Amino acid sequence: MRNYHISKHNSFYAIGLSYKKADAEVRGKFSLDVPAIDHILSKAKGMGIDGLLAISTCNRTELYGFAQHPYQLIKLLCEETKGTVEEFQEVAYVYKNHDAISHIFKVGTGLDSQILGDFEIISQIKQGFYRAKKQEMANPFLERLCNSVIQASKRIKNETELSSGATSVAFASVKYILDNVDDISNKNILLFGTGKIGRNTCENLVKHSNNSHITLINRTREKAEDVAGKFQLTVKDYGDLQSEIRKADILVVATGAQLPTVSKALVYTKKPLLILDLSVPKNVSDDVKELENVTLVHLDQLSQITDETLAKRKEFIPKAEAIIEKVRKDFLKWLETRKFAPVINALKDKLNTMKTEEIDFQTKKIEGFDQIQAEIISDRIIQKITKQFANHLKSNEVDTEDSLELIQKVFQLELHSK
């Protein structure tokens, strides 16, 4: 495997964990907020890591970057989160070079999402790239790679039906409520927190249940009023949480805290209460399950709700993969050219200098020497020689770095850096 070098000894790695092997609790330990991502980027810069992208969603946390060894990236992640290296190793994946490039394409196009075709992740990649650029950690490789992934994602959206139909976690939570709660229009629903999934659940509930008994509570009242305004919902103060839970039939928790925001002590109910925890890490204490009348369902269980929509989406996987392959090949082509273009250009310059010297010499030496014909033949030979070298460098069997070094040595090339 060849190095996708920025510096000679660095390879491109993707390290991370996702819903596939890590449950919500473990994912919660490794989740990164914006200040943590910025801190990782500035630390990496100090370590001499050239180019780093960090993404963290409720389903995955990943770092993509250039390092001498993947452990450099793993250490950065573990030092900045509550997770340990041992915990990481139990659920993690590490991809290198080609495999790392393929992985980011799969992730960014919704093929690796917990719900197939979920394109939420592409905005996270855009956001991650924006942060990297701000911290001067987005090199030309990462910029081109992210743009290629965005391009593939757009094409899949436009040319396939991979993301058709509603199968978001928010939709799954509403489906769960509709399937498990009778007479939903007369139930009291309390939404605690204004996280994205919570807001979407709220919107879906309003659509599907004609329910006007929805109350919204958030630590910051303005945010709650902002969301409530759209759907004409009731807003209560954070201090009213306990009394509002007492009245509720359904509690949807969509807070974004690192520790549980709903504890056993907070819940007092004499009637059945369904609690949906749509937060990562979990924001409802597990011991709430011990209470009579209470049913607690977490995001991970909801995400397993599959329906015909998902089966239909699967039909479009081959078409999506073909689009990815085309865009990925174009990216790799650019990468290869970018890597050896300076050497091939320097070689062409060297051969042209030899040609000019030789033609000058022969013009003086041979009477009636046809300079135009000599130029045509020489140019064609130079073209063929450089093409031969370029093809050699493109070959998978070749160590590109060693070959580039050898060509520079043999022809005593001077590379002009831009």
Protein backbone atom coordinates (compact mmCIF):
# COMPACT_ATOMS: atom_id res chain seq x y z
CA MET A 1 0.00 0.00 0.00
CA ARG A 2 1.40 3.35 -1.00
CA ASN A 3 1.60 6.30 1.30
CA TYR A 4 -0.75 9.18 0.66
CA HIS A 5 1.99 11.40 1.79
CA ILE A 6 2.07 14.90 2.93
CA SER A 7 5.32 14.08 4.67
CA LYS A 8 7.18 10.98 3.60
CA HIS A 9 6.50 8.78 6.61
CA ASN A 10 2.84 9.65 7.21
CA SER A 11 -0.15 7.60 6.17
CA PHE A 12 -3.80 8.63 6.08
CA TYR A 13 -5.86 6.96 8.84
CA ALA A 14 -9.50 6.81 9.88
CA ILE A 15 -10.00 5.80 13.51
CA GLY A 16 -13.30 5.67 15.33
CA LEU A 17 -16.26 3.80 16.75
CA SER A 18 -19.91 3.59 15.75
CA TYR A 19 -23.29 2.12 16.67
CA LYS A 20 -22.21 -1.16 15.01
CA LYS A 21 -20.07 -2.27 17.96
CA ALA A 22 -20.41 0.49 20.56
CA ASP A 23 -23.64 0.92 22.50
CA ALA A 24 -25.02 4.34 23.43
CA GLU A 25 -23.20 4.39 26.77
CA VAL A 26 -19.79 3.74 25.21
CA ARG A 27 -20.49 6.16 22.34
CA GLY A 28 -21.43 8.75 24.94
CA LYS A 29 -18.02 8.41 26.58
CA PHE A 30 -16.28 9.21 23.30
CA SER A 31 -18.58 11.97 22.06
CA LEU A 32 -16.98 15.32 21.21
CA ASP A 33 -18.53 18.77 21.38
CA VAL A 34 -17.21 21.73 19.38
CA PRO A 35 -14.70 22.97 22.02
CA ALA A 36 -13.32 19.42 22.33
CA ILE A 37 -12.93 19.14 18.54
CA ASP A 38 -11.11 22.49 18.45
CA HIS A 39 -8.85 21.36 21.28
CA ILE A 40 -7.98 18.09 19.48
CA LEU A 41 -7.16 20.03 16.30
CA SER A 42 -4.86 22.48 18.06
CA LYS A 43 -3.14 19.66 19.99
CA ALA A 44 -2.65 17.69 16.77
CA LYS A 45 -1.14 20.76 15.13
CA GLY A 46 1.37 21.00 17.97
CA MET A 47 2.27 17.33 17.49
CA GLY A 48 3.05 17.92 13.82
CA ILE A 49 0.03 16.00 12.51
CA ASP A 50 -0.68 17.45 9.10
CA GLY A 51 -4.38 17.45 8.28
CA LEU A 52 -7.11 16.27 10.67
CA LEU A 53 -10.88 16.02 10.48
CA ALA A 54 -13.07 15.15 13.49
CA ILE A 55 -16.74 14.17 13.39
CA SER A 56 -18.98 13.28 16.31
CA THR A 57 -22.68 12.42 16.09
CA CYS A 58 -24.99 10.37 18.29
CA ASN A 59 -24.03 7.32 16.20
CA ARG A 60 -20.27 7.70 15.75
CA THR A 61 -17.08 9.54 16.64
CA GLU A 62 -14.26 9.50 14.10
CA LEU A 63 -10.92 11.15 13.39
CA TYR A 64 -9.43 11.24 9.89
CA GLY A 65 -5.85 12.39 9.61
CA PHE A 66 -2.21 11.96 8.68
CA ALA A 67 0.00 10.30 11.25
CA GLN A 68 3.04 8.06 11.53
CA HIS A 69 0.94 5.63 13.54
CA PRO A 70 -2.83 5.43 14.23
CA TYR A 71 -2.13 5.38 17.97
CA GLN A 72 -1.32 9.13 17.75
CA LEU A 73 -4.94 9.76 16.72
CA ILE A 74 -6.39 7.25 19.22
CA LYS A 75 -4.44 8.90 22.05
CA LEU A 76 -5.73 12.35 21.01
CA LEU A 77 -9.33 11.11 21.11
CA CYS A 78 -9.02 9.29 24.44
CA GLU A 79 -7.26 12.20 26.15
CA GLU A 80 -10.06 14.55 25.12
CA THR A 81 -12.98 12.27 26.13
CA LYS A 82 -14.12 10.17 29.08
CA GLY A 83 -13.24 6.93 27.27
CA THR A 84 -10.08 4.90 27.83
CA VAL A 85 -7.77 3.39 25.20
CA GLU A 86 -8.84 -0.10 26.38
CA GLU A 87 -12.53 0.72 25.92
CA PHE A 88 -11.80 2.21 22.53
CA GLN A 89 -9.88 -0.85 21.35
CA GLU A 90 -12.79 -3.13 22.22
CA VAL A 91 -15.20 -1.42 19.83
CA ALA A 92 -12.99 0.55 17.44
CA TYR A 93 -11.96 0.35 13.82
CA VAL A 94 -8.80 1.64 12.18
CA TYR A 95 -8.54 2.10 8.41
CA LYS A 96 -5.44 3.12 6.47
CA ASN A 97 -4.92 4.92 3.14
CA HIS A 98 -7.23 3.40 0.46
CA ASP A 99 -9.48 1.80 3.10
CA ALA A 100 -9.74 5.06 5.05
CA ILE A 101 -10.75 6.90 1.87
CA SER A 102 -13.38 4.24 1.07
CA HIS A 103 -14.71 4.47 4.64
CA ILE A 104 -15.32 8.23 4.58
CA PHE A 105 -17.19 7.82 1.27
CA LYS A 106 -19.45 5.16 2.83
CA VAL A 107 -20.06 7.27 5.92
CA GLY A 108 -20.71 10.52 4.06
CA THR A 109 -23.20 8.97 1.63
CA GLY A 110 -25.41 7.33 4.26
CA LEU A 111 -24.37 3.74 3.43
CA ASP A 112 -22.84 3.29 6.88
CA SER A 113 -25.63 5.08 8.79
CA GLN A 114 -27.69 3.36 11.46
CA ILE A 115 -30.67 4.13 9.26
CA LEU A 116 -29.63 3.46 5.65
CA GLY A 117 -29.60 6.60 3.53
CA ASP A 118 -29.62 9.00 6.48
CA PHE A 119 -27.83 12.05 5.06
CA GLU A 120 -27.57 13.97 8.36
CA ILE A 121 -23.89 12.97 8.49
CA ILE A 122 -22.88 15.05 5.46
CA SER A 123 -23.54 18.28 7.34
CA GLN A 124 -21.31 16.94 10.15
CA ILE A 125 -18.52 16.35 7.62
CA LYS A 126 -18.96 19.89 6.26
CA GLN A 127 -18.91 21.25 9.81
CA GLY A 128 -15.83 19.14 10.67
CA PHE A 129 -14.02 20.44 7.61
CA TYR A 130 -14.96 24.03 8.46
CA ARG A 131 -13.45 23.57 11.95
CA ALA A 132 -10.30 21.97 10.50
CA LYS A 133 -9.89 24.85 8.06
CA LYS A 134 -10.36 27.41 10.85
CA GLN A 135 -7.53 25.76 12.81
CA GLU A 136 -5.35 25.46 9.67
CA MET A 137 -5.60 21.67 9.78
CA ALA A 138 -7.29 21.20 6.39
CA ASN A 139 -4.61 20.42 3.82
CA PRO A 140 -5.36 20.16 0.05
CA PHE A 141 -5.83 16.38 0.39
CA LEU A 142 -8.59 16.73 3.02
CA GLU A 143 -10.22 19.59 1.14
CA ARG A 144 -10.40 17.60 -2.09
CA LEU A 145 -11.52 14.45 -0.23
CA CYS A 146 -14.35 16.22 1.62
CA ASN A 147 -15.51 17.93 -1.57
CA SER A 148 -15.52 14.55 -3.36
CA VAL A 149 -17.60 12.95 -0.58
CA ILE A 150 -20.05 15.90 -0.69
CA GLN A 151 -20.26 15.54 -4.47
CA ALA A 152 -20.97 11.77 -4.21
CA SER A 153 -23.61 12.44 -1.55
CA LYS A 154 -25.35 15.05 -3.75
CA ARG A 155 -25.37 12.73 -6.75
CA ILE A 156 -26.81 9.83 -4.72
CA LYS A 157 -29.53 12.13 -3.39
CA ASN A 158 -30.41 13.34 -6.89
CA GLU A 159 -29.93 10.14 -8.90
CA THR A 160 -31.23 7.43 -6.52
CA GLU A 161 -33.98 6.98 -3.96
CA LEU A 162 -31.61 5.87 -1.20
CA SER A 163 -33.07 8.45 1.17
CA SER A 164 -36.70 8.25 0.10
CA GLY A 165 -39.48 7.89 2.66
CA ALA A 166 -39.34 8.80 6.34
CA THR A 167 -37.13 6.59 8.48
CA SER A 168 -35.36 9.03 10.73
CA VAL A 169 -34.98 8.23 14.43
CA ALA A 170 -37.56 10.96 15.06
CA PHE A 171 -39.99 9.17 12.77
CA ALA A 172 -39.15 5.84 14.44
CA SER A 173 -39.90 7.32 17.88
CA VAL A 174 -43.27 8.64 16.72
CA LYS A 175 -44.03 5.27 15.10
CA TYR A 176 -43.20 3.60 18.41
CA ILE A 177 -45.57 5.94 20.28
CA LEU A 178 -48.36 5.44 17.74
CA ASP A 179 -47.93 1.64 17.84
CA ASN A 180 -47.78 1.41 21.64
CA VAL A 181 -50.05 4.12 22.99
CA ASP A 182 -53.82 4.08 22.49
CA ASP A 183 -55.87 7.22 22.05
CA ILE A 184 -52.75 9.38 21.53
CA SER A 185 -54.75 12.56 20.85
CA ASN A 186 -55.92 12.66 24.47
CA LYS A 187 -52.55 11.96 26.08
CA ASN A 188 -50.30 14.53 27.75
CA ILE A 189 -46.91 14.64 26.06
CA LEU A 190 -43.92 16.39 27.63
CA LEU A 191 -40.82 17.18 25.56
CA PHE A 192 -37.77 17.93 27.71
CA GLY A 193 -34.88 19.47 25.76
CA THR A 194 -34.69 20.94 22.28
CA GLY A 195 -32.12 18.65 20.66
CA LYS A 196 -32.51 18.10 16.91
CA ILE A 197 -34.10 14.65 17.19
CA GLY A 198 -36.46 15.96 19.90
CA ARG A 199 -37.55 18.86 17.71
CA ASN A 200 -38.16 16.52 14.77
CA THR A 201 -40.08 14.10 17.03
CA CYS A 202 -42.18 17.02 18.20
CA GLU A 203 -42.93 18.03 14.62
CA ASN A 204 -43.83 14.44 13.67
CA LEU A 205 -46.05 14.06 16.75
CA VAL A 206 -47.98 17.19 15.86
CA LYS A 207 -48.42 15.89 12.30
CA HIS A 208 -49.41 12.33 13.16
CA SER A 209 -51.43 12.65 16.32
CA ASN A 210 -53.39 15.94 16.11
CA ASN A 211 -52.24 16.33 19.68
CA SER A 212 -52.52 19.74 21.28
CA HIS A 213 -51.51 18.42 24.73
CA ILE A 214 -47.78 18.83 24.12
CA THR A 215 -45.70 20.78 26.64
CA LEU A 216 -42.12 21.84 26.11
CA ILE A 217 -39.44 22.44 28.76
CA ASN A 218 -35.83 23.45 28.19
CA ARG A 219 -33.14 24.81 30.53
CA THR A 220 -33.11 27.94 28.37
CA ARG A 221 -36.73 29.05 28.06
CA GLU A 222 -36.13 31.14 24.89
CA LYS A 223 -35.06 28.01 22.97
CA ALA A 224 -38.21 26.20 24.07
CA GLU A 225 -40.35 29.17 23.03
CA ASP A 226 -38.60 29.24 19.69
CA VAL A 227 -39.57 25.61 18.97
CA ALA A 228 -43.01 25.87 20.59
CA GLY A 229 -43.91 28.91 18.53
CA LYS A 230 -43.76 26.91 15.31
CA PHE A 231 -46.29 24.36 16.55
CA GLN A 232 -48.39 26.39 19.04
CA LEU A 233 -47.24 24.30 22.02
CA THR A 234 -47.25 25.14 25.73
CA VAL A 235 -43.94 26.16 27.33
CA LYS A 236 -43.19 25.66 31.03
CA ASP A 237 -40.18 26.67 33.15
CA TYR A 238 -37.34 24.29 33.93
CA GLY A 239 -38.38 24.50 37.60
CA ASP A 240 -41.76 22.92 36.70
CA LEU A 241 -40.15 19.76 35.31
CA GLN A 242 -41.07 17.46 38.22
CA SER A 243 -44.72 18.55 38.36
CA GLU A 244 -45.04 18.33 34.56
CA ILE A 245 -43.61 14.77 34.54
CA ARG A 246 -46.30 13.87 37.09
CA LYS A 247 -49.00 14.98 34.63
CA ALA A 248 -47.42 13.37 31.55
CA ASP A 249 -48.39 10.12 29.80
CA ILE A 250 -45.37 10.33 27.50
CA LEU A 251 -42.03 11.97 28.28
CA VAL A 252 -39.60 12.58 25.40
CA VAL A 253 -36.09 13.47 26.60
CA ALA A 254 -33.91 15.21 24.01
CA THR A 255 -31.34 16.98 26.18
CA GLY A 256 -27.69 17.05 25.20
CA ALA A 257 -26.04 16.63 28.60
CA GLN A 258 -23.04 14.44 29.41
CA LEU A 259 -24.82 13.13 32.56
CA PRO A 260 -28.46 12.01 33.06
CA THR A 261 -30.93 14.90 33.30
CA VAL A 262 -33.85 12.70 34.40
CA SER A 263 -33.27 10.67 37.56
CA LYS A 264 -35.47 8.22 39.46
CA ALA A 265 -36.10 10.87 42.13
CA LEU A 266 -37.61 13.19 39.56
CA VAL A 267 -40.24 10.71 38.35
CA TYR A 268 -43.37 10.23 40.40
CA THR A 269 -46.36 8.79 38.62
CA LYS A 270 -49.48 6.84 39.49
CA LYS A 271 -50.41 6.17 35.87
CA PRO A 272 -48.48 4.49 32.98
CA LEU A 273 -45.62 6.66 31.75
CA LEU A 274 -43.67 6.00 28.55
CA ILE A 275 -40.22 7.63 28.51
CA LEU A 276 -38.28 7.93 25.24
CA ASP A 277 -34.64 8.87 25.72
CA LEU A 278 -33.39 10.34 22.43
CA SER A 279 -30.03 11.45 23.82
CA VAL A 280 -26.45 10.20 23.46
CA PRO A 281 -25.04 9.71 26.01
CA LYS A 282 -28.19 8.48 27.78
CA ASN A 283 -29.90 11.32 29.63
CA VAL A 284 -32.37 9.16 31.60
CA SER A 285 -30.96 7.09 34.50
CA ASP A 286 -31.34 3.34 34.02
CA ASP A 287 -32.81 2.99 37.54
CA VAL A 288 -35.98 4.75 36.29
CA LYS A 289 -36.89 1.29 34.93
CA GLU A 290 -37.35 0.09 38.52
CA LEU A 291 -40.42 2.31 38.92
CA GLU A 292 -43.80 0.74 38.47
CA ASN A 293 -45.86 1.98 35.53
CA VAL A 294 -42.75 3.29 33.74
CA THR A 295 -41.53 2.04 30.33
CA LEU A 296 -38.13 3.38 29.26
CA VAL A 297 -37.06 3.14 25.60
CA HIS A 298 -33.70 4.41 24.33
CA LEU A 299 -32.63 5.70 20.93
CA ASP A 300 -30.78 2.45 20.12
CA GLN A 301 -33.97 0.38 20.46
CA LEU A 302 -35.87 2.85 18.29
CA SER A 303 -33.27 2.70 15.58
CA GLN A 304 -33.95 -1.00 15.19
CA ILE A 305 -37.46 -0.20 14.01
CA THR A 306 -37.23 -0.98 10.34
CA ASP A 307 -40.07 -0.86 7.89
CA GLU A 308 -40.81 -1.28 4.20
CA THR A 309 -39.09 2.03 3.50
CA LEU A 310 -35.72 0.54 4.49
CA ALA A 311 -36.28 -2.57 2.39
CA LYS A 312 -37.07 -0.31 -0.55
CA ARG A 313 -33.96 1.77 0.08
CA LYS A 314 -31.73 -1.31 -0.09
CA GLU A 315 -32.57 -1.71 -3.78
CA PHE A 316 -30.64 1.49 -4.48
CA ILE A 317 -27.39 0.43 -2.77
CA PRO A 318 -25.72 -0.88 -5.99
CA LYS A 319 -26.51 2.36 -7.84
CA ALA A 320 -25.16 4.42 -4.91
CA GLU A 321 -22.00 2.29 -4.78
CA ALA A 322 -21.41 2.80 -8.52
CA ILE A 323 -21.62 6.60 -8.03
CA ILE A 324 -19.19 6.40 -5.08
CA GLU A 325 -16.75 4.29 -7.12
CA LYS A 326 -16.72 6.82 -9.96
CA VAL A 327 -16.15 9.83 -7.67
CA ARG A 328 -13.58 7.92 -5.57
CA LYS A 329 -11.61 6.94 -8.71
CA ASP A 330 -11.55 10.56 -9.84
CA PHE A 331 -10.21 11.54 -6.41
CA LEU A 332 -7.47 8.87 -6.49
CA LYS A 333 -6.50 9.95 -9.99
CA TRP A 334 -6.11 13.52 -8.78
CA LEU A 335 -4.12 12.27 -5.80
CA GLU A 336 -1.67 10.26 -7.89
CA THR A 337 -1.16 13.09 -10.36
CA ARG A 338 -0.64 15.57 -7.56
CA LYS A 339 1.96 13.33 -5.99
CA PHE A 340 4.26 12.73 -8.94
CA ALA A 341 3.45 15.66 -11.23
CA PRO A 342 6.39 17.76 -9.91
CA VAL A 343 8.87 14.96 -10.68
CA ILE A 344 7.41 14.25 -14.15
CA ASN A 345 7.45 17.99 -14.96
CA ALA A 346 11.05 18.31 -13.78
CA LEU A 347 11.97 15.25 -15.87
CA LYS A 348 10.29 16.79 -18.94
CA ASP A 349 12.22 20.04 -18.37
CA LYS A 350 15.50 18.11 -18.07
CA LEU A 351 14.88 16.13 -21.28
CA ASN A 352 13.89 19.32 -23.13
CA THR A 353 17.15 20.96 -22.01
CA MET A 354 19.08 17.92 -23.34
CA LYS A 355 17.09 18.11 -26.60
CA THR A 356 17.82 21.84 -27.09
CA GLU A 357 21.57 21.36 -26.40
CA GLU A 358 21.78 18.38 -28.77
CA ILE A 359 19.87 20.09 -31.60
CA ASP A 360 22.08 23.21 -31.24
CA PHE A 361 25.18 21.00 -31.39
CA GLN A 362 24.00 19.02 -34.45
CA THR A 363 22.86 22.19 -36.28
CA LYS A 364 26.41 23.54 -36.06
CA LYS A 365 28.01 20.18 -36.87
CA ILE A 366 25.87 18.85 -39.76
CA GLU A 367 25.34 20.90 -42.88
CA GLY A 368 21.67 21.15 -43.94
CA PHE A 369 20.52 19.65 -40.63
CA ASP A 370 16.69 19.67 -40.53
CA GLN A 371 15.99 21.30 -37.16
CA ILE A 372 12.17 21.14 -37.52
CA GLN A 373 12.12 17.38 -38.15
CA ALA A 374 14.57 16.81 -35.28
CA GLU A 375 12.29 18.83 -32.95
CA ILE A 376 9.23 16.75 -33.96
CA ILE A 377 11.00 13.41 -33.38
CA SER A 378 12.63 14.54 -30.11
CA ASP A 379 9.34 15.85 -28.71
CA ARG A 380 7.61 12.57 -29.49
CA ILE A 381 10.38 10.57 -27.83
CA ILE A 382 10.29 12.83 -24.73
CA GLN A 383 6.49 12.40 -24.59
CA LYS A 384 6.86 8.60 -24.74
CA ILE A 385 9.60 8.49 -22.10
CA THR A 386 7.68 10.65 -19.60
CA LYS A 387 4.49 8.66 -20.23
CA GLN A 388 6.44 5.46 -19.54
CA PHE A 389 7.59 6.87 -16.18
CA ALA A 390 4.11 8.13 -15.30
CA ASN A 391 2.59 4.69 -16.00
CA HIS A 392 5.29 3.07 -13.88
CA LEU A 393 4.48 5.41 -10.96
CA LYS A 394 0.73 4.70 -11.27
CA SER A 395 1.24 0.95 -10.96
CA ASN A 396 -0.01 -0.66 -7.73
CA GLU A 397 3.01 -2.96 -7.56
CA VAL A 398 5.43 -0.07 -7.29
CA ASP A 399 6.71 1.75 -4.22
CA THR A 400 6.06 5.26 -5.53
CA GLU A 401 8.26 7.01 -2.96
CA ASP A 402 11.36 4.92 -3.83
CA SER A 403 10.73 5.30 -7.56
CA LEU A 404 10.37 9.07 -7.30
CA GLU A 405 13.62 9.24 -5.35
CA LEU A 406 15.43 7.10 -7.92
CA ILE A 407 14.17 9.18 -10.90
CA GLN A 408 15.33 12.37 -9.16
CA LYS A 409 18.75 10.83 -8.47
CA VAL A 410 19.33 9.38 -11.94
CA PHE A 411 18.35 12.58 -13.77
CA GLN A 412 19.68 14.91 -11.06
CA LEU A 413 16.37 16.74 -11.00
CA GLU A 414 15.74 19.94 -9.13
CA LEU A 415 12.12 20.25 -8.02
CA HIS A 416 10.69 23.74 -8.04
CA SER A 417 8.34 23.99 -5.08
CA LYS A 418 5.39 26.31 -5.59
